[in-house]
N, C-alpha and C. Protein backbone atom coordinates (compact mmCIF):
# COMPACT_ATOMS: atom_id res chain seq x y z
N UNK A 1 17.14 -4.67 -0.01
CA UNK A 1 15.74 -4.54 -0.41
C UNK A 1 14.88 -4.11 0.78
N UNK A 2 15.21 -4.58 1.96
CA UNK A 2 14.44 -4.20 3.15
C UNK A 2 14.46 -2.69 3.35
N UNK A 3 15.57 -2.06 3.01
CA UNK A 3 15.65 -0.60 3.16
C UNK A 3 14.58 0.10 2.32
N UNK A 4 14.33 -0.42 1.12
CA UNK A 4 13.32 0.18 0.25
C UNK A 4 11.91 -0.04 0.80
N UNK A 5 11.68 -1.19 1.42
CA UNK A 5 10.38 -1.46 2.02
C UNK A 5 10.12 -0.50 3.19
N UNK A 6 11.13 -0.25 4.00
CA UNK A 6 10.96 0.58 5.20
C UNK A 6 11.14 2.06 4.94
N UNK A 7 11.65 2.44 3.78
CA UNK A 7 11.85 3.85 3.46
C UNK A 7 10.56 4.67 3.57
N UNK A 8 9.42 4.19 3.03
CA UNK A 8 8.18 4.97 3.18
C UNK A 8 7.77 5.21 4.63
N UNK A 9 8.11 4.27 5.53
CA UNK A 9 7.80 4.50 6.94
C UNK A 9 8.60 5.70 7.45
N UNK A 10 9.85 5.80 7.05
CA UNK A 10 10.66 6.95 7.46
C UNK A 10 10.09 8.24 6.87
N UNK A 11 9.72 8.21 5.57
CA UNK A 11 9.11 9.40 4.96
C UNK A 11 7.87 9.80 5.74
N UNK A 12 7.02 8.83 6.02
CA UNK A 12 5.77 9.09 6.72
C UNK A 12 6.02 9.67 8.10
N UNK A 13 6.95 9.09 8.84
CA UNK A 13 7.24 9.59 10.18
C UNK A 13 7.85 10.99 10.13
N UNK A 14 8.65 11.25 9.14
CA UNK A 14 9.26 12.57 8.99
C UNK A 14 8.20 13.61 8.69
N UNK A 15 7.27 13.29 7.80
CA UNK A 15 6.18 14.22 7.46
C UNK A 15 5.28 14.41 8.67
N UNK A 16 4.92 13.32 9.33
CA UNK A 16 4.02 13.41 10.48
C UNK A 16 4.65 14.21 11.61
N UNK A 17 5.96 14.07 11.79
CA UNK A 17 6.64 14.82 12.84
C UNK A 17 6.64 16.32 12.54
N UNK A 18 6.57 16.67 11.27
CA UNK A 18 6.61 18.07 10.87
C UNK A 18 5.22 18.70 10.80
N UNK A 19 4.18 17.90 10.97
CA UNK A 19 2.81 18.41 10.88
C UNK A 19 2.02 17.94 12.09
N UNK A 20 0.84 18.48 12.25
CA UNK A 20 -0.02 18.06 13.35
C UNK A 20 -1.16 17.18 12.86
N UNK A 21 -1.16 16.82 11.59
CA UNK A 21 -2.24 16.02 11.05
C UNK A 21 -1.70 14.75 10.41
N UNK A 22 -2.61 13.86 10.07
CA UNK A 22 -2.24 12.63 9.38
C UNK A 22 -1.62 12.98 8.02
N UNK A 23 -0.87 12.06 7.50
CA UNK A 23 -0.27 12.26 6.18
C UNK A 23 -1.39 12.35 5.16
N UNK A 24 -1.30 13.30 4.25
CA UNK A 24 -2.37 13.60 3.31
C UNK A 24 -2.24 12.82 2.01
N UNK A 25 -3.27 12.91 1.20
CA UNK A 25 -3.25 12.31 -0.14
C UNK A 25 -2.08 12.88 -0.93
N UNK A 26 -1.85 14.17 -0.83
CA UNK A 26 -0.73 14.79 -1.55
C UNK A 26 0.60 14.19 -1.10
N UNK A 27 0.73 13.94 0.17
CA UNK A 27 1.98 13.37 0.68
C UNK A 27 2.13 11.91 0.25
N UNK A 28 1.02 11.18 0.14
CA UNK A 28 1.09 9.82 -0.41
C UNK A 28 1.51 9.87 -1.88
N UNK A 29 0.98 10.85 -2.60
CA UNK A 29 1.37 11.03 -4.00
C UNK A 29 2.87 11.27 -4.09
N UNK A 30 3.39 12.10 -3.21
CA UNK A 30 4.83 12.39 -3.20
C UNK A 30 5.65 11.14 -2.90
N UNK A 31 5.20 10.34 -1.93
CA UNK A 31 5.91 9.10 -1.64
C UNK A 31 5.91 8.19 -2.86
N UNK A 32 4.78 8.11 -3.56
CA UNK A 32 4.70 7.31 -4.78
C UNK A 32 5.66 7.81 -5.85
N UNK A 33 5.80 9.12 -5.95
CA UNK A 33 6.74 9.69 -6.92
C UNK A 33 8.18 9.36 -6.55
N UNK A 34 8.48 9.36 -5.25
CA UNK A 34 9.82 8.97 -4.82
C UNK A 34 10.10 7.52 -5.22
N UNK A 35 9.15 6.63 -4.95
CA UNK A 35 9.33 5.22 -5.31
C UNK A 35 9.48 5.06 -6.82
N UNK A 36 8.73 5.83 -7.59
CA UNK A 36 8.77 5.72 -9.06
C UNK A 36 10.16 6.04 -9.61
N UNK A 37 10.96 6.77 -8.86
CA UNK A 37 12.31 7.11 -9.32
C UNK A 37 13.30 5.97 -9.18
N UNK A 38 12.93 4.90 -8.50
CA UNK A 38 13.82 3.75 -8.34
C UNK A 38 13.89 3.01 -9.67
N UNK A 39 15.06 2.89 -10.27
CA UNK A 39 15.16 2.35 -11.63
C UNK A 39 14.77 0.87 -11.77
N UNK A 40 15.07 0.05 -10.79
CA UNK A 40 14.84 -1.39 -10.92
C UNK A 40 13.46 -1.78 -10.40
N UNK A 41 12.63 -2.36 -11.27
CA UNK A 41 11.24 -2.68 -10.91
C UNK A 41 11.14 -3.60 -9.71
N UNK A 42 12.01 -4.59 -9.59
CA UNK A 42 11.92 -5.53 -8.48
C UNK A 42 12.20 -4.85 -7.14
N UNK A 43 12.96 -3.78 -7.16
CA UNK A 43 13.22 -3.00 -5.94
C UNK A 43 12.10 -1.98 -5.72
N UNK A 44 11.65 -1.36 -6.80
CA UNK A 44 10.55 -0.39 -6.73
C UNK A 44 9.31 -1.03 -6.12
N UNK A 45 9.07 -2.31 -6.42
CA UNK A 45 7.94 -3.05 -5.87
C UNK A 45 7.95 -2.98 -4.35
N UNK A 46 9.11 -3.17 -3.74
CA UNK A 46 9.21 -3.15 -2.28
C UNK A 46 8.91 -1.77 -1.72
N UNK A 47 9.26 -0.75 -2.43
CA UNK A 47 8.97 0.61 -1.98
C UNK A 47 7.45 0.85 -1.96
N UNK A 48 6.76 0.45 -3.03
CA UNK A 48 5.30 0.61 -3.07
C UNK A 48 4.62 -0.23 -1.99
N UNK A 49 5.14 -1.44 -1.76
CA UNK A 49 4.60 -2.25 -0.67
C UNK A 49 4.80 -1.55 0.66
N UNK A 50 5.94 -0.90 0.81
CA UNK A 50 6.22 -0.16 2.05
C UNK A 50 5.22 0.96 2.28
N UNK A 51 4.78 1.60 1.19
CA UNK A 51 3.74 2.62 1.34
C UNK A 51 2.46 1.97 1.85
N UNK A 52 2.09 0.83 1.27
CA UNK A 52 0.91 0.11 1.74
C UNK A 52 1.02 -0.30 3.20
N UNK A 53 2.24 -0.61 3.61
CA UNK A 53 2.49 -1.03 4.98
C UNK A 53 2.18 0.08 5.99
N UNK A 54 2.29 1.33 5.59
CA UNK A 54 2.04 2.44 6.52
C UNK A 54 0.70 3.13 6.28
N UNK A 55 -0.12 2.56 5.42
CA UNK A 55 -1.38 3.20 5.04
C UNK A 55 -2.46 3.11 6.10
N UNK A 56 -2.58 1.99 6.77
CA UNK A 56 -3.71 1.76 7.68
C UNK A 56 -3.87 2.86 8.72
N UNK A 57 -2.78 3.25 9.37
CA UNK A 57 -2.93 4.25 10.42
C UNK A 57 -3.35 5.60 9.88
N UNK A 58 -2.87 5.99 8.69
CA UNK A 58 -3.29 7.27 8.13
C UNK A 58 -4.69 7.21 7.55
N UNK A 59 -5.19 6.01 7.37
CA UNK A 59 -6.57 5.82 6.90
C UNK A 59 -7.51 5.62 8.08
N UNK A 60 -7.02 5.87 9.28
CA UNK A 60 -7.82 5.64 10.49
C UNK A 60 -8.38 4.23 10.56
N UNK A 61 -7.59 3.28 10.01
CA UNK A 61 -7.95 1.87 10.00
C UNK A 61 -9.30 1.62 9.33
N UNK A 62 -9.55 2.39 8.24
CA UNK A 62 -10.78 2.26 7.46
C UNK A 62 -10.43 1.95 6.01
N UNK A 63 -11.20 1.09 5.39
CA UNK A 63 -10.96 0.67 4.01
C UNK A 63 -11.08 1.82 3.03
N UNK A 64 -12.11 2.65 3.17
CA UNK A 64 -12.29 3.74 2.21
C UNK A 64 -11.14 4.74 2.30
N UNK A 65 -10.64 4.99 3.49
CA UNK A 65 -9.49 5.87 3.65
C UNK A 65 -8.24 5.29 3.01
N UNK A 66 -8.05 3.98 3.15
CA UNK A 66 -6.90 3.31 2.53
C UNK A 66 -6.99 3.41 1.01
N UNK A 67 -8.18 3.21 0.46
CA UNK A 67 -8.35 3.32 -1.00
C UNK A 67 -8.03 4.74 -1.46
N UNK A 68 -8.49 5.73 -0.73
CA UNK A 68 -8.22 7.12 -1.10
C UNK A 68 -6.73 7.40 -1.12
N UNK A 69 -6.02 6.98 -0.10
CA UNK A 69 -4.58 7.23 -0.03
C UNK A 69 -3.82 6.46 -1.11
N UNK A 70 -4.12 5.18 -1.26
CA UNK A 70 -3.41 4.36 -2.27
C UNK A 70 -3.70 4.83 -3.69
N UNK A 71 -4.89 5.36 -3.91
CA UNK A 71 -5.21 5.83 -5.26
C UNK A 71 -4.40 7.05 -5.68
N UNK A 72 -3.65 7.63 -4.77
CA UNK A 72 -2.78 8.76 -5.10
C UNK A 72 -1.47 8.30 -5.77
N UNK A 73 -1.22 7.01 -5.77
CA UNK A 73 0.04 6.50 -6.33
C UNK A 73 0.00 6.52 -7.85
N UNK A 74 1.19 6.48 -8.50
CA UNK A 74 1.30 6.86 -9.91
C UNK A 74 0.83 5.88 -10.98
N UNK A 75 0.57 4.62 -10.64
CA UNK A 75 0.15 3.68 -11.69
C UNK A 75 -0.62 2.52 -11.07
N UNK A 76 -1.24 1.70 -11.92
CA UNK A 76 -2.07 0.59 -11.43
C UNK A 76 -1.30 -0.37 -10.55
N UNK A 77 -0.07 -0.69 -10.94
CA UNK A 77 0.74 -1.62 -10.14
C UNK A 77 1.05 -1.06 -8.77
N UNK A 78 1.43 0.20 -8.72
CA UNK A 78 1.74 0.85 -7.44
C UNK A 78 0.50 0.89 -6.56
N UNK A 79 -0.63 1.25 -7.14
CA UNK A 79 -1.88 1.32 -6.38
C UNK A 79 -2.26 -0.06 -5.85
N UNK A 80 -2.10 -1.09 -6.68
CA UNK A 80 -2.46 -2.44 -6.24
C UNK A 80 -1.55 -2.91 -5.11
N UNK A 81 -0.27 -2.64 -5.20
CA UNK A 81 0.65 -3.03 -4.12
C UNK A 81 0.28 -2.32 -2.83
N UNK A 82 0.01 -1.04 -2.92
CA UNK A 82 -0.39 -0.27 -1.74
C UNK A 82 -1.69 -0.82 -1.15
N UNK A 83 -2.70 -1.00 -1.99
CA UNK A 83 -3.98 -1.53 -1.52
C UNK A 83 -3.84 -2.91 -0.90
N UNK A 84 -3.04 -3.76 -1.52
CA UNK A 84 -2.90 -5.13 -1.04
C UNK A 84 -2.23 -5.19 0.32
N UNK A 85 -1.18 -4.41 0.51
CA UNK A 85 -0.51 -4.40 1.81
C UNK A 85 -1.39 -3.74 2.86
N UNK A 86 -2.11 -2.70 2.47
CA UNK A 86 -3.06 -2.08 3.40
C UNK A 86 -4.16 -3.07 3.76
N UNK A 87 -4.66 -3.81 2.77
CA UNK A 87 -5.70 -4.81 3.03
C UNK A 87 -5.19 -5.90 3.96
N UNK A 88 -3.94 -6.29 3.79
CA UNK A 88 -3.34 -7.29 4.67
C UNK A 88 -3.31 -6.78 6.11
N UNK A 89 -2.86 -5.55 6.30
CA UNK A 89 -2.82 -4.99 7.65
C UNK A 89 -4.22 -4.84 8.23
N UNK A 90 -5.13 -4.32 7.45
CA UNK A 90 -6.49 -4.13 7.97
C UNK A 90 -7.15 -5.47 8.26
N UNK A 91 -6.88 -6.47 7.42
CA UNK A 91 -7.43 -7.80 7.65
C UNK A 91 -6.92 -8.43 8.94
N UNK A 92 -5.69 -8.14 9.27
CA UNK A 92 -5.10 -8.68 10.49
C UNK A 92 -5.41 -7.78 11.70
N UNK A 93 -5.24 -6.47 11.53
CA UNK A 93 -5.35 -5.53 12.66
C UNK A 93 -6.78 -5.19 13.03
N UNK A 94 -7.70 -5.19 12.07
CA UNK A 94 -9.10 -4.85 12.36
C UNK A 94 -9.92 -6.13 12.25
N UNK A 95 -10.21 -6.54 11.03
CA UNK A 95 -10.87 -7.82 10.77
C UNK A 95 -10.82 -8.10 9.27
N UNK A 96 -11.05 -9.32 8.89
CA UNK A 96 -10.94 -9.71 7.49
C UNK A 96 -11.91 -8.91 6.62
N UNK A 97 -13.09 -8.62 7.14
CA UNK A 97 -14.07 -7.86 6.36
C UNK A 97 -13.53 -6.48 5.98
N UNK A 98 -12.81 -5.83 6.89
CA UNK A 98 -12.23 -4.52 6.60
C UNK A 98 -11.13 -4.68 5.55
N UNK A 99 -10.35 -5.74 5.65
CA UNK A 99 -9.33 -6.00 4.64
C UNK A 99 -9.95 -6.21 3.27
N UNK A 100 -10.99 -7.02 3.22
CA UNK A 100 -11.69 -7.29 1.96
C UNK A 100 -12.28 -6.01 1.39
N UNK A 101 -12.86 -5.17 2.23
CA UNK A 101 -13.45 -3.91 1.78
C UNK A 101 -12.40 -2.99 1.15
N UNK A 102 -11.15 -3.12 1.56
CA UNK A 102 -10.07 -2.32 0.99
C UNK A 102 -9.89 -2.63 -0.49
N UNK A 103 -10.21 -3.83 -0.90
CA UNK A 103 -10.04 -4.27 -2.29
C UNK A 103 -11.23 -3.89 -3.18
N UNK A 104 -12.24 -3.26 -2.60
CA UNK A 104 -13.45 -2.88 -3.34
C UNK A 104 -13.09 -2.04 -4.56
N UNK A 105 -13.73 -2.35 -5.68
CA UNK A 105 -13.51 -1.61 -6.92
C UNK A 105 -12.51 -2.28 -7.85
N UNK A 106 -11.72 -3.20 -7.33
CA UNK A 106 -10.79 -3.94 -8.18
C UNK A 106 -11.53 -5.08 -8.87
N UNK A 107 -11.02 -5.51 -10.01
CA UNK A 107 -11.63 -6.62 -10.73
C UNK A 107 -10.55 -7.58 -11.21
N UNK A 108 -10.99 -8.76 -11.60
CA UNK A 108 -10.09 -9.74 -12.22
C UNK A 108 -8.92 -10.13 -11.35
N UNK A 109 -7.76 -10.25 -11.99
CA UNK A 109 -6.55 -10.69 -11.30
C UNK A 109 -6.14 -9.73 -10.19
N UNK A 110 -6.38 -8.44 -10.39
CA UNK A 110 -6.04 -7.46 -9.35
C UNK A 110 -6.89 -7.68 -8.10
N UNK A 111 -8.17 -7.93 -8.29
CA UNK A 111 -9.04 -8.20 -7.15
C UNK A 111 -8.60 -9.47 -6.41
N UNK A 112 -8.31 -10.52 -7.17
CA UNK A 112 -7.86 -11.77 -6.56
C UNK A 112 -6.58 -11.55 -5.76
N UNK A 113 -5.64 -10.83 -6.34
CA UNK A 113 -4.36 -10.53 -5.68
C UNK A 113 -4.61 -9.80 -4.36
N UNK A 114 -5.43 -8.76 -4.40
CA UNK A 114 -5.72 -7.97 -3.21
C UNK A 114 -6.47 -8.79 -2.16
N UNK A 115 -7.47 -9.53 -2.58
CA UNK A 115 -8.26 -10.32 -1.63
C UNK A 115 -7.42 -11.38 -0.94
N UNK A 116 -6.48 -11.95 -1.66
CA UNK A 116 -5.60 -12.94 -1.03
C UNK A 116 -4.73 -12.28 0.04
N UNK A 117 -4.34 -11.03 -0.17
CA UNK A 117 -3.61 -10.30 0.87
C UNK A 117 -4.55 -10.00 2.04
N UNK A 118 -5.76 -9.57 1.75
CA UNK A 118 -6.72 -9.23 2.80
C UNK A 118 -6.98 -10.42 3.72
N UNK A 119 -6.94 -11.62 3.13
CA UNK A 119 -7.19 -12.85 3.90
C UNK A 119 -5.90 -13.47 4.41
N UNK A 120 -4.80 -12.75 4.28
CA UNK A 120 -3.47 -13.18 4.70
C UNK A 120 -3.03 -14.50 4.04
N UNK A 121 -3.51 -14.73 2.83
CA UNK A 121 -3.05 -15.88 2.04
C UNK A 121 -1.81 -15.51 1.24
N UNK A 122 -1.62 -14.21 1.00
CA UNK A 122 -0.40 -13.67 0.41
C UNK A 122 0.07 -12.55 1.31
N UNK A 123 1.37 -12.36 1.36
CA UNK A 123 1.97 -11.27 2.10
C UNK A 123 3.41 -11.12 1.63
N UNK A 124 4.19 -10.29 2.27
CA UNK A 124 5.55 -10.06 1.78
C UNK A 124 6.42 -11.31 1.88
N UNK A 125 6.03 -12.28 2.69
CA UNK A 125 6.80 -13.52 2.81
C UNK A 125 6.28 -14.61 1.87
N UNK A 126 5.09 -14.45 1.36
CA UNK A 126 4.44 -15.46 0.51
C UNK A 126 3.90 -14.73 -0.72
N UNK A 127 4.65 -14.76 -1.81
CA UNK A 127 4.38 -13.92 -2.98
C UNK A 127 3.90 -14.71 -4.19
N UNK A 128 3.19 -14.00 -5.05
CA UNK A 128 2.91 -14.45 -6.43
C UNK A 128 3.19 -13.26 -7.33
N UNK A 129 3.21 -13.51 -8.60
CA UNK A 129 3.51 -12.42 -9.55
C UNK A 129 2.41 -11.36 -9.54
N UNK A 130 2.84 -10.12 -9.54
CA UNK A 130 1.93 -8.98 -9.60
C UNK A 130 1.26 -8.95 -10.97
N UNK A 131 -0.07 -8.79 -11.03
CA UNK A 131 -0.75 -8.80 -12.34
C UNK A 131 -0.58 -7.53 -13.16
N UNK A 132 0.15 -6.54 -12.66
CA UNK A 132 0.44 -5.30 -13.39
C UNK A 132 1.94 -5.07 -13.39
N UNK A 133 2.39 -4.29 -14.34
CA UNK A 133 3.78 -3.85 -14.29
C UNK A 133 3.84 -2.59 -13.44
N UNK A 134 5.01 -2.31 -12.94
CA UNK A 134 5.19 -1.10 -12.14
C UNK A 134 6.28 -0.28 -12.80
C-alpha cells in the first residue's frame, strides 16, 4: 500500500524533471486519472492521499493553489483526500490557518474531515472513514 501512496510523488518528480515549471492542473488531472484506474478502493484511497501529499509545493504553499490543483481530481472523494492531505501539510509546514483555509468551500462531513486533517487531528496514521466513496 505504501507504494501507492508514494507513486504520485514519483509521477510528480518525473514530470517536474521534464519541465521547467511547477506541475500543472492538467498534470494533477492526469495523476488523478492514473489513481482512478486502481481497481481496489482501499488501495486507490492511498494513491489519492499521495497526490495530496505532494500538493503543497506545487501550490507554492498556498491554500488557494492547493484547492485549484486538488479540484482537478476525478470525483468528490479523490478531491477530499487530496485537499485533506494538502491541508495537513500546510497546517504543519506553514500554519494551521493556512491548513484550515485549504478546506474552504467544503461543507458538512467533508469539511469536518478536512479540518481535522488541517489541525493534525487526523492523518495517514490516524484515520476515520471517508465521507465519500472513491
